[in-house]
Amino acid sequence: MVYVLVCSALFGPVTATSQVCVPDSYSFNSAGDYSLHRPSVLKCMKWLIKKPLHRKTELRSEVEAYCMEWLCGHPQLKAVLESSQVPYLDRNPQLLYVYLSKWTLLTLENPDMAGLERHLQSTRTVLKLASKSKGLAEDETLINLIRKWRRGDLAEWAEQTWKAGP
């Protein structure tokens, strides 16, 4: 199974907050709109990868919507994931936002970084946050990956899943 990012009218209006810079209103109609919002989106993505999933859940949903709308329409960014690369999404789909936020930050800050290294670092970020978060669905795959990460054995798994990707 391939996860394709579908962005549509699912994302409603987002309100401004003091913790992260989500504008009251915005539009992504031109390349200039993406450039204008880039600093705010990157700050929001950094917040998403650090804030445990069970905290500020309403705000988190608003920030996720803002970031994903920006990412899905960005003219120069594209993310295609094979389900084997993110097997924890079946039971915990909210971890997609964490993975994609880290992947996007790495892509923009280190454009020459290999895709495998972005995958490995994004997965590590997901596992670190998942290990600090409450309320995730019981998932043996996620538990096993967290164990691999804690033992420092994640690189081999990441390489195998990256090769199996799209």
Protein backbone atom coordinates (compact mmCIF):
# COMPACT_ATOMS: atom_id res chain seq x y z
CA MET A 1 0.00 0.00 0.00
CA VAL A 2 1.24 3.48 -0.85
CA TYR A 3 0.21 6.45 1.28
CA VAL A 4 -0.59 9.39 -0.92
CA LEU A 5 -1.09 12.79 0.62
CA VAL A 6 -4.56 14.02 -0.27
CA CYS A 7 -5.28 17.60 0.66
CA SER A 8 -8.67 19.11 0.15
CA ALA A 9 -11.34 21.09 1.90
CA LEU A 10 -10.91 18.80 4.91
CA PHE A 11 -8.76 21.47 6.46
CA GLY A 12 -10.91 24.21 7.92
CA PRO A 13 -9.83 27.63 9.17
CA VAL A 14 -6.98 27.73 11.63
CA THR A 15 -6.70 30.21 14.47
CA ALA A 16 -3.65 32.07 15.72
CA THR A 17 -1.97 30.95 18.92
CA SER A 18 0.82 32.25 21.08
CA GLN A 19 2.67 28.91 21.17
CA VAL A 20 3.07 28.52 17.42
CA CYS A 21 2.58 30.95 14.57
CA VAL A 22 -0.56 29.76 12.81
CA PRO A 23 -2.20 32.67 10.98
CA ASP A 24 -5.90 33.44 11.38
CA SER A 25 -6.32 33.31 7.64
CA TYR A 26 -4.10 32.20 4.83
CA SER A 27 -4.17 30.91 1.28
CA PHE A 28 -1.77 28.93 -0.84
CA ASN A 29 -2.59 30.07 -4.34
CA SER A 30 0.85 30.92 -5.70
CA ALA A 31 4.50 30.06 -5.20
CA GLY A 32 4.83 33.36 -3.35
CA ASP A 33 2.25 32.20 -0.78
CA TYR A 34 4.39 29.17 0.02
CA SER A 35 7.50 31.32 0.42
CA LEU A 36 5.63 33.79 2.61
CA HIS A 37 4.40 31.07 4.98
CA ARG A 38 7.57 28.99 5.02
CA PRO A 39 9.02 30.45 8.27
CA SER A 40 5.72 30.01 10.10
CA VAL A 41 5.19 26.47 8.79
CA LEU A 42 8.72 25.40 9.70
CA LYS A 43 8.26 26.76 13.21
CA CYS A 44 5.00 24.84 13.48
CA MET A 45 6.64 21.65 12.21
CA LYS A 46 9.38 21.98 14.82
CA TRP A 47 6.66 22.31 17.44
CA LEU A 48 4.86 19.20 16.12
CA ILE A 49 7.94 17.00 16.40
CA LYS A 50 8.65 18.11 19.98
CA LYS A 51 5.23 18.33 21.63
CA PRO A 52 3.91 14.96 22.94
CA LEU A 53 0.82 13.84 21.06
CA HIS A 54 -1.46 13.85 24.10
CA ARG A 55 -0.78 17.51 24.94
CA LYS A 56 -2.67 20.43 23.41
CA THR A 57 -4.58 18.10 21.10
CA GLU A 58 -6.96 20.73 19.71
CA LEU A 59 -4.08 23.08 18.90
CA ARG A 60 -2.11 20.16 17.49
CA SER A 61 -4.93 19.38 15.06
CA GLU A 62 -4.98 22.98 13.84
CA VAL A 63 -1.21 23.08 13.42
CA GLU A 64 -1.22 19.74 11.57
CA ALA A 65 -3.88 21.00 9.17
CA TYR A 66 -1.93 24.21 8.44
CA CYS A 67 1.35 22.37 7.88
CA MET A 68 -0.17 19.62 5.75
CA GLU A 69 -2.07 22.04 3.56
CA TRP A 70 1.22 23.87 2.94
CA LEU A 71 3.13 20.65 2.31
CA CYS A 72 0.51 19.02 0.08
CA GLY A 73 0.34 21.98 -2.26
CA HIS A 74 4.01 22.99 -2.19
CA PRO A 75 5.26 23.14 -5.77
CA GLN A 76 8.71 21.75 -4.96
CA LEU A 77 8.06 19.16 -2.23
CA LYS A 78 6.66 15.70 -2.73
CA ALA A 79 6.46 12.84 -0.27
CA VAL A 80 5.50 9.31 -1.29
CA LEU A 81 5.66 6.60 1.34
CA GLU A 82 5.24 2.87 1.10
CA SER A 83 3.32 1.31 3.98
CA SER A 84 6.37 -0.83 4.82
CA GLN A 85 8.32 2.37 5.55
CA VAL A 86 5.77 3.57 8.11
CA PRO A 87 4.08 0.38 9.39
CA TYR A 88 2.94 2.08 12.59
CA LEU A 89 0.49 4.31 10.69
CA ASP A 90 -2.15 1.59 10.43
CA ARG A 91 -2.82 1.79 14.17
CA ASN A 92 -1.53 5.32 14.84
CA PRO A 93 -2.14 7.50 11.76
CA GLN A 94 -1.44 10.70 13.74
CA LEU A 95 2.26 9.80 13.59
CA LEU A 96 2.23 10.65 9.88
CA TYR A 97 2.35 14.36 10.76
CA VAL A 98 5.45 13.83 12.88
CA TYR A 99 7.22 11.82 10.17
CA LEU A 100 6.36 14.30 7.41
CA SER A 101 7.28 17.32 9.54
CA LYS A 102 10.74 15.92 10.23
CA TRP A 103 11.14 14.77 6.64
CA THR A 104 10.20 18.25 5.38
CA LEU A 105 12.56 20.03 7.77
CA LEU A 106 15.44 17.76 6.74
CA THR A 107 14.63 18.17 3.04
CA LEU A 108 14.60 21.96 3.24
CA GLU A 109 17.54 22.37 5.63
CA ASN A 110 19.75 19.68 4.04
CA PRO A 111 18.73 19.32 0.39
CA ASP A 112 21.71 17.05 -0.37
CA MET A 113 20.87 14.56 2.39
CA ALA A 114 20.20 11.06 1.07
CA GLY A 115 16.61 9.86 1.18
CA LEU A 116 17.58 6.91 3.36
CA GLU A 117 19.10 9.23 5.97
CA ARG A 118 15.95 11.41 5.94
CA HIS A 119 13.86 8.27 6.41
CA LEU A 120 16.03 7.08 9.30
CA GLN A 121 16.01 10.46 11.07
CA SER A 122 12.28 10.93 10.51
CA THR A 123 11.58 7.48 11.92
CA ARG A 124 13.79 8.18 14.95
CA THR A 125 11.84 11.37 15.58
CA VAL A 126 8.54 9.47 15.39
CA LEU A 127 9.78 6.83 17.82
CA LYS A 128 11.18 9.36 20.26
CA LEU A 129 7.89 11.27 20.34
CA ALA A 130 5.80 8.10 20.47
CA SER A 131 7.77 6.89 23.47
CA LYS A 132 6.87 10.14 25.32
CA SER A 133 3.23 10.27 24.23
CA LYS A 134 0.17 8.77 25.87
CA GLY A 135 -2.94 7.45 24.21
CA LEU A 136 -1.41 5.69 21.22
CA ALA A 137 -3.08 2.50 20.06
CA GLU A 138 -1.45 -0.74 21.19
CA ASP A 139 0.83 -1.68 18.33
CA GLU A 140 3.43 -4.43 18.49
CA THR A 141 5.21 -3.02 15.43
CA LEU A 142 5.60 0.38 17.08
CA ILE A 143 6.78 -1.22 20.33
CA ASN A 144 9.37 -3.30 18.47
CA LEU A 145 10.62 -0.29 16.53
CA ILE A 146 10.97 1.72 19.75
CA ARG A 147 13.03 -1.17 21.18
CA LYS A 148 15.26 -1.19 18.07
CA TRP A 149 15.69 2.58 18.32
CA ARG A 150 16.63 2.40 22.01
CA ARG A 151 19.19 -0.36 21.28
CA GLY A 152 20.61 1.61 18.36
CA ASP A 153 19.50 -1.07 15.85
CA LEU A 154 17.20 1.04 13.71
CA ALA A 155 19.54 1.71 10.76
CA GLU A 156 19.29 -1.81 9.33
CA TRP A 157 15.49 -1.75 9.51
CA ALA A 158 15.41 1.69 7.86
CA GLU A 159 17.66 0.53 5.04
CA GLN A 160 15.51 -2.55 4.36
CA THR A 161 12.27 -0.56 4.32
CA TRP A 162 13.78 2.21 2.22
CA LYS A 163 14.81 -0.29 -0.47
CA ALA A 164 11.27 -1.67 -0.50
CA GLY A 165 9.82 1.82 -1.01
CA PRO A 166 8.21 3.40 -4.04
